C-alpha atoms as a PDB file:
ATOM      1  CA  UNK A   1     -16.222 -43.742 -45.069  1.00  0.00           C
ATOM      2  CA  UNK A   2     -16.678 -41.153 -47.792  1.00  0.00           C
ATOM      3  CA  UNK A   3     -14.195 -38.383 -48.534  1.00  0.00           C
ATOM      4  CA  UNK A   4     -16.753 -35.778 -47.350  1.00  0.00           C
ATOM      5  CA  UNK A   5     -17.083 -37.397 -43.911  1.00  0.00           C
ATOM      6  CA  UNK A   6     -13.299 -37.660 -43.542  1.00  0.00           C
ATOM      7  CA  UNK A   7     -12.971 -33.988 -44.539  1.00  0.00           C
ATOM      8  CA  UNK A   8     -15.518 -32.965 -41.891  1.00  0.00           C
ATOM      9  CA  UNK A   9     -13.625 -34.897 -39.192  1.00  0.00           C
ATOM     10  CA  UNK A  10     -10.157 -33.669 -40.121  1.00  0.00           C
ATOM     11  CA  UNK A  11     -10.995 -29.958 -40.315  1.00  0.00           C
ATOM     12  CA  UNK A  12     -12.007 -29.592 -36.638  1.00  0.00           C
ATOM     13  CA  UNK A  13      -8.936 -31.614 -35.591  1.00  0.00           C
ATOM     14  CA  UNK A  14      -6.629 -29.354 -37.597  1.00  0.00           C
ATOM     15  CA  UNK A  15      -8.295 -26.294 -36.109  1.00  0.00           C
ATOM     16  CA  UNK A  16      -7.834 -27.636 -32.564  1.00  0.00           C
ATOM     17  CA  UNK A  17      -4.193 -28.495 -33.256  1.00  0.00           C
ATOM     18  CA  UNK A  18      -3.593 -25.009 -34.628  1.00  0.00           C
ATOM     19  CA  UNK A  19      -5.060 -23.391 -31.532  1.00  0.00           C
ATOM     20  CA  UNK A  20      -2.913 -25.540 -29.252  1.00  0.00           C
ATOM     21  CA  UNK A  21       0.239 -24.697 -31.176  1.00  0.00           C
ATOM     22  CA  UNK A  22      -0.625 -20.993 -31.138  1.00  0.00           C
ATOM     23  CA  UNK A  23      -0.973 -21.202 -27.369  1.00  0.00           C
ATOM     24  CA  UNK A  24       2.518 -22.710 -27.109  1.00  0.00           C
ATOM     25  CA  UNK A  25       4.038 -19.798 -29.009  1.00  0.00           C
ATOM     26  CA  UNK A  26       2.711 -17.191 -26.580  1.00  0.00           C
ATOM     27  CA  UNK A  27       5.033 -18.329 -23.757  1.00  0.00           C
ATOM     28  CA  UNK A  28       4.171 -18.593 -20.070  1.00  0.00           C
ATOM     29  CA  UNK A  29       1.249 -16.503 -18.867  1.00  0.00           C
ATOM     30  CA  UNK A  30       2.144 -13.432 -16.825  1.00  0.00           C
ATOM     31  CA  UNK A  31       0.999 -13.433 -13.197  1.00  0.00           C
ATOM     32  CA  UNK A  32      -2.269 -11.559 -12.709  1.00  0.00           C
ATOM     33  CA  UNK A  33      -0.893  -8.874 -10.388  1.00  0.00           C
ATOM     34  CA  UNK A  34      -3.322  -6.338  -8.949  1.00  0.00           C
ATOM     35  CA  UNK A  35      -0.580  -3.809  -8.117  1.00  0.00           C
ATOM     36  CA  UNK A  36       1.625  -1.909 -10.575  1.00  0.00           C
ATOM     37  CA  UNK A  37       4.123  -4.248 -12.266  1.00  0.00           C
ATOM     38  CA  UNK A  38       7.666  -2.811 -12.208  1.00  0.00           C
ATOM     39  CA  UNK A  39       9.452  -5.920 -13.470  1.00  0.00           C
ATOM     40  CA  UNK A  40      12.687  -4.880 -15.197  1.00  0.00           C
ATOM     41  CA  UNK A  41      12.910  -1.469 -13.464  1.00  0.00           C
ATOM     42  CA  UNK A  42      16.437  -0.033 -13.287  1.00  0.00           C
ATOM     43  CA  UNK A  43      16.083   1.676  -9.893  1.00  0.00           C
ATOM     44  CA  UNK A  44      15.621   0.515  -6.310  1.00  0.00           C
ATOM     45  CA  UNK A  45      18.576  -1.788  -6.799  1.00  0.00           C
ATOM     46  CA  UNK A  46      20.060  -1.692  -3.299  1.00  0.00           C
ATOM     47  CA  UNK A  47      20.785   0.292  -0.151  1.00  0.00           C
ATOM     48  CA  UNK A  48      23.356   0.378   2.651  1.00  0.00           C
ATOM     49  CA  UNK A  49      21.603   1.183   5.917  1.00  0.00           C
ATOM     50  CA  UNK A  50      21.493   0.049   9.548  1.00  0.00           C
ATOM     51  CA  UNK A  51      18.594  -1.801  11.128  1.00  0.00           C
ATOM     52  CA  UNK A  52      17.103  -0.881  14.487  1.00  0.00           C
ATOM     53  CA  UNK A  53      19.203  -3.619  16.126  1.00  0.00           C
ATOM     54  CA  UNK A  54      22.418  -1.951  14.943  1.00  0.00           C
ATOM     55  CA  UNK A  55      23.185  -4.397  12.110  1.00  0.00           C
ATOM     56  CA  UNK A  56      24.365  -3.126   8.708  1.00  0.00           C
ATOM     57  CA  UNK A  57      21.890  -4.155   6.006  1.00  0.00           C
ATOM     58  CA  UNK A  58      21.520  -4.352   2.230  1.00  0.00           C
ATOM     59  CA  UNK A  59      18.745  -5.825   0.081  1.00  0.00           C
ATOM     60  CA  UNK A  60      20.941  -8.858  -0.554  1.00  0.00           C
ATOM     61  CA  UNK A  61      20.537  -9.872   3.112  1.00  0.00           C
ATOM     62  CA  UNK A  62      16.913 -10.769   2.447  1.00  0.00           C
ATOM     63  CA  UNK A  63      17.179 -12.850  -0.726  1.00  0.00           C
ATOM     64  CA  UNK A  64      14.941 -15.881  -0.550  1.00  0.00           C
ATOM     65  CA  UNK A  65      12.095 -13.799   0.872  1.00  0.00           C
ATOM     66  CA  UNK A  66       9.525 -11.455  -0.591  1.00  0.00           C
ATOM     67  CA  UNK A  67      10.743  -8.048   0.583  1.00  0.00           C
ATOM     68  CA  UNK A  68       8.355  -5.149   1.176  1.00  0.00           C
ATOM     69  CA  UNK A  69       9.964  -1.698   1.383  1.00  0.00           C
ATOM     70  CA  UNK A  70       8.157   1.342   2.751  1.00  0.00           C
ATOM     71  CA  UNK A  71       9.633   4.805   3.379  1.00  0.00           C
ATOM     72  CA  UNK A  72       8.204   6.755   6.292  1.00  0.00           C
ATOM     73  CA  UNK A  73       8.902   8.249   9.708  1.00  0.00           C
ATOM     74  CA  UNK A  74       7.845   7.581  13.275  1.00  0.00           C
ATOM     75  CA  UNK A  75       6.000  10.860  13.866  1.00  0.00           C
ATOM     76  CA  UNK A  76       3.935  10.476  10.685  1.00  0.00           C
ATOM     77  CA  UNK A  77       0.295  11.004  11.703  1.00  0.00           C
ATOM     78  CA  UNK A  78      -1.536   9.078   8.992  1.00  0.00           C
ATOM     79  CA  UNK A  79       0.032   7.427   5.929  1.00  0.00           C
ATOM     80  CA  UNK A  80       2.777   5.540   7.774  1.00  0.00           C
ATOM     81  CA  UNK A  81       0.731   3.917  10.559  1.00  0.00           C
ATOM     82  CA  UNK A  82      -2.030   3.121   8.052  1.00  0.00           C
ATOM     83  CA  UNK A  83       0.365   1.367   5.653  1.00  0.00           C
ATOM     84  CA  UNK A  84       2.190  -0.474   8.422  1.00  0.00           C
ATOM     85  CA  UNK A  85      -1.158  -1.560   9.855  1.00  0.00           C
ATOM     86  CA  UNK A  86      -2.196  -2.947   6.456  1.00  0.00           C
ATOM     87  CA  UNK A  87       1.074  -4.854   6.211  1.00  0.00           C
ATOM     88  CA  UNK A  88       0.462  -6.289   9.686  1.00  0.00           C
ATOM     89  CA  UNK A  89      -2.928  -7.562   8.467  1.00  0.00           C
ATOM     90  CA  UNK A  90      -1.199  -9.137   5.447  1.00  0.00           C
ATOM     91  CA  UNK A  91       1.283 -10.946   7.686  1.00  0.00           C
ATOM     92  CA  UNK A  92      -1.522 -12.316   9.840  1.00  0.00           C
ATOM     93  CA  UNK A  93      -3.429 -13.539   6.785  1.00  0.00           C
ATOM     94  CA  UNK A  94      -0.327 -15.239   5.365  1.00  0.00           C
ATOM     95  CA  UNK A  95      -0.019 -17.541   8.367  1.00  0.00           C
ATOM     96  CA  UNK A  96       3.168 -19.622   8.161  1.00  0.00           C
ATOM     97  CA  UNK A  97       4.063 -18.038   4.813  1.00  0.00           C
ATOM     98  CA  UNK A  98       4.716 -14.792   6.707  1.00  0.00           C
ATOM     99  CA  UNK A  99       8.092 -16.303   7.623  1.00  0.00           C
ATOM    100  CA  UNK A 100       9.018 -15.910   3.947  1.00  0.00           C
ATOM    101  CA  UNK A 101       8.229 -12.168   3.894  1.00  0.00           C
ATOM    102  CA  UNK A 102      10.365  -9.306   5.233  1.00  0.00           C
ATOM    103  CA  UNK A 103       8.905  -5.827   5.730  1.00  0.00           C
ATOM    104  CA  UNK A 104      11.425  -2.964   5.867  1.00  0.00           C
ATOM    105  CA  UNK A 105      10.506   0.505   7.162  1.00  0.00           C
ATOM    106  CA  UNK A 106      13.118   3.004   5.897  1.00  0.00           C
ATOM    107  CA  UNK A 107      13.196   6.274   7.815  1.00  0.00           C
ATOM    108  CA  UNK A 108      13.118   9.598   5.952  1.00  0.00           C
ATOM    109  CA  UNK A 109      13.603  11.459   9.255  1.00  0.00           C
ATOM    110  CA  UNK A 110      17.120  10.552  10.423  1.00  0.00           C
ATOM    111  CA  UNK A 111      17.192  13.558  12.726  1.00  0.00           C
ATOM    112  CA  UNK A 112      14.484  12.170  15.022  1.00  0.00           C
ATOM    113  CA  UNK A 113      14.122   8.465  14.149  1.00  0.00           C
ATOM    114  CA  UNK A 114      16.813   7.080  16.426  1.00  0.00           C
ATOM    115  CA  UNK A 115      17.532   3.332  16.586  1.00  0.00           C
ATOM    116  CA  UNK A 116      15.942   3.244  20.030  1.00  0.00           C
ATOM    117  CA  UNK A 117      12.689   4.789  18.794  1.00  0.00           C
ATOM    118  CA  UNK A 118      12.624   2.645  15.657  1.00  0.00           C
ATOM    119  CA  UNK A 119      13.124  -0.500  17.754  1.00  0.00           C
ATOM    120  CA  UNK A 120      10.061   0.430  19.819  1.00  0.00           C
ATOM    121  CA  UNK A 121       7.852   1.672  16.968  1.00  0.00           C
ATOM    122  CA  UNK A 122       8.369  -0.686  14.007  1.00  0.00           C
ATOM    123  CA  UNK A 123       7.991  -4.086  15.753  1.00  0.00           C
ATOM    124  CA  UNK A 124       4.708  -2.987  17.374  1.00  0.00           C
ATOM    125  CA  UNK A 125       3.087  -3.671  13.987  1.00  0.00           C
ATOM    126  CA  UNK A 126       4.706  -7.105  13.648  1.00  0.00           C
ATOM    127  CA  UNK A 127       7.712  -8.542  15.517  1.00  0.00           C
ATOM    128  CA  UNK A 128       9.557  -9.408  12.283  1.00  0.00           C
ATOM    129  CA  UNK A 129       9.364  -5.890  10.810  1.00  0.00           C
ATOM    130  CA  UNK A 130      12.679  -4.045  10.672  1.00  0.00           C
ATOM    131  CA  UNK A 131      13.283  -0.309  10.871  1.00  0.00           C
ATOM    132  CA  UNK A 132      16.220   0.940   8.777  1.00  0.00           C
ATOM    133  CA  UNK A 133      18.025   4.254   9.067  1.00  0.00           C
ATOM    134  CA  UNK A 134      21.112   6.116   7.943  1.00  0.00           C
ATOM    135  CA  UNK A 135      22.632   9.542   8.376  1.00  0.00           C
ATOM    136  CA  UNK A 136      21.397  12.472   6.269  1.00  0.00           C
ATOM    137  CA  UNK A 137      23.648  11.561   3.319  1.00  0.00           C
ATOM    138  CA  UNK A 138      22.710   7.856   3.345  1.00  0.00           C
ATOM    139  CA  UNK A 139      19.026   8.745   3.596  1.00  0.00           C
ATOM    140  CA  UNK A 140      19.254  11.108   0.626  1.00  0.00           C
ATOM    141  CA  UNK A 141      21.242   8.590  -1.422  1.00  0.00           C
ATOM    142  CA  UNK A 142      18.753   5.814  -0.694  1.00  0.00           C
ATOM    143  CA  UNK A 143      15.751   8.019  -1.459  1.00  0.00           C
ATOM    144  CA  UNK A 144      17.249   8.962  -4.834  1.00  0.00           C
ATOM    145  CA  UNK A 145      17.911   5.315  -5.702  1.00  0.00           C
ATOM    146  CA  UNK A 146      14.284   4.462  -4.931  1.00  0.00           C
ATOM    147  CA  UNK A 147      12.818   7.634  -6.503  1.00  0.00           C
ATOM    148  CA  UNK A 148      11.405   8.732  -3.141  1.00  0.00           C
ATOM    149  CA  UNK A 149      10.588  12.372  -2.418  1.00  0.00           C
ATOM    150  CA  UNK A 150      10.771  13.721   1.146  1.00  0.00           C
ATOM    151  CA  UNK A 151      10.882  17.225   2.563  1.00  0.00           C
ATOM    152  CA  UNK A 152      10.544  18.810   5.995  1.00  0.00           C
ATOM    153  CA  UNK A 153       7.503  21.004   6.613  1.00  0.00           C
ATOM    154  CA  UNK A 154       8.015  23.343   9.616  1.00  0.00           C
ATOM    155  CA  UNK A 155       5.264  23.645  12.213  1.00  0.00           C
ATOM    156  CA  UNK A 156       4.521  26.225  14.875  1.00  0.00           C
ATOM    157  CA  UNK A 157       6.670  25.741  17.964  1.00  0.00           C
ATOM    158  CA  UNK A 158       9.753  24.576  16.061  1.00  0.00           C
ATOM    159  CA  UNK A 159       8.586  21.049  15.258  1.00  0.00           C
ATOM    160  CA  UNK A 160       8.025  19.688  11.751  1.00  0.00           C
ATOM    161  CA  UNK A 161       6.346  17.018   9.683  1.00  0.00           C
ATOM    162  CA  UNK A 162       7.875  15.311   6.643  1.00  0.00           C
ATOM    163  CA  UNK A 163       6.117  15.234   3.295  1.00  0.00           C
ATOM    164  CA  UNK A 164       7.142  12.024   1.538  1.00  0.00           C
ATOM    165  CA  UNK A 165       6.237   9.557  -1.198  1.00  0.00           C
ATOM    166  CA  UNK A 166       3.709   7.118   0.190  1.00  0.00           C
ATOM    167  CA  UNK A 167       4.072   3.998  -1.938  1.00  0.00           C
ATOM    168  CA  UNK A 168       5.395   0.533  -1.179  1.00  0.00           C
ATOM    169  CA  UNK A 169       7.868  -1.541  -3.211  1.00  0.00           C
ATOM    170  CA  UNK A 170       7.759  -5.332  -3.402  1.00  0.00           C
ATOM    171  CA  UNK A 171      10.664  -7.609  -4.351  1.00  0.00           C
ATOM    172  CA  UNK A 172      10.492 -11.263  -5.319  1.00  0.00           C
ATOM    173  CA  UNK A 173      12.596 -13.914  -3.516  1.00  0.00           C
ATOM    174  CA  UNK A 174      15.335 -13.540  -6.148  1.00  0.00           C
ATOM    175  CA  UNK A 175      15.809  -9.914  -5.049  1.00  0.00           C
ATOM    176  CA  UNK A 176      14.208  -8.319  -8.118  1.00  0.00           C
ATOM    177  CA  UNK A 177      11.959  -5.279  -7.857  1.00  0.00           C
ATOM    178  CA  UNK A 178       8.575  -6.434  -9.120  1.00  0.00           C
ATOM    179  CA  UNK A 179       5.697  -4.316  -7.848  1.00  0.00           C
ATOM    180  CA  UNK A 180       4.649  -0.896  -6.588  1.00  0.00           C
ATOM    181  CA  UNK A 181       1.658  -0.358  -4.356  1.00  0.00           C
ATOM    182  CA  UNK A 182       0.350   3.198  -4.279  1.00  0.00           C
ATOM    183  CA  UNK A 183      -0.990   4.410  -0.947  1.00  0.00           C
ATOM    184  CA  UNK A 184      -4.560   3.332  -0.297  1.00  0.00           C
ATOM    185  CA  UNK A 185      -4.530   0.090  -2.315  1.00  0.00           C
ATOM    186  CA  UNK A 186      -5.457  -1.846   0.795  1.00  0.00           C
ATOM    187  CA  UNK A 187      -4.307  -5.035   2.490  1.00  0.00           C
ATOM    188  CA  UNK A 188      -6.158  -7.429   0.182  1.00  0.00           C
ATOM    189  CA  UNK A 189      -4.315  -6.378  -2.993  1.00  0.00           C
ATOM    190  CA  UNK A 190      -0.997  -6.575  -1.157  1.00  0.00           C
ATOM    191  CA  UNK A 191      -1.907 -10.015   0.158  1.00  0.00           C
ATOM    192  CA  UNK A 192      -2.979 -11.236  -3.299  1.00  0.00           C
ATOM    193  CA  UNK A 193       0.242 -10.152  -4.996  1.00  0.00           C
ATOM    194  CA  UNK A 194       2.573 -11.255  -2.201  1.00  0.00           C
ATOM    195  CA  UNK A 195       1.037 -14.724  -2.480  1.00  0.00           C
ATOM    196  CA  UNK A 196       1.799 -14.702  -6.204  1.00  0.00           C
ATOM    197  CA  UNK A 197       5.410 -13.666  -5.554  1.00  0.00           C
ATOM    198  CA  UNK A 198       5.770 -16.485  -3.034  1.00  0.00           C
ATOM    199  CA  UNK A 199       4.794 -19.151  -5.589  1.00  0.00           C
END
C-alpha cells in the first residue's frame, strides 16, 4: 500500500475521531423543553399552606413527583377553569404516569376560598388535585416567594374578581423548579414537558 493511499485512509479516520471527541466535551444534551426553562431559579423555593383536607403542606411533601403549581381562585370565570381543565387532560393522557404527578391549586382569594369550597371545586378536575390555602398573610408571603401578582377588583353589588398572574410552575421529582408555562400554552406542551421531567 502506497503512502498516498494510507494518507487518504487515515485523514477521514482522524476527522471522525475528532468529531467524536468534540461531542464528548459538550456534556449531556439539555432536554428539549417546549415551555420556559427556569432551571436554577432562586424563587419559588417553598410554601407553608394547608390543603383542602386540613393537612399542613410544603413542597417537600411531594418530592419524588413532578409538581405542578397554579395560583388561582374558585370564582375565576376563565383563566383558572381553563388551566385546570388543560391539566386534567394532561393527567388523562399520562395514564399510569399520572400517579407520579401532583397538581396544586393555590388560592389567591383566602377570603372566599374556604376549605369546604376548595374540596368541592379542585377535585372535580381530577381526584388527585389538591387545593391549598392560607390566611391573608400566608397568601401574600407565598405569592411574593413565587413572584405572583394578585389584586381584588371590586364589582357592582359589593362582589369582586381577582386579577392575578396566570402562569403555571413545574418542579422535577427532586423538588427543583424547572419550568414555567404561560397561560394559553395548551395541554400538549405541558404533557410533552411533564413527560421529560418524569424520565
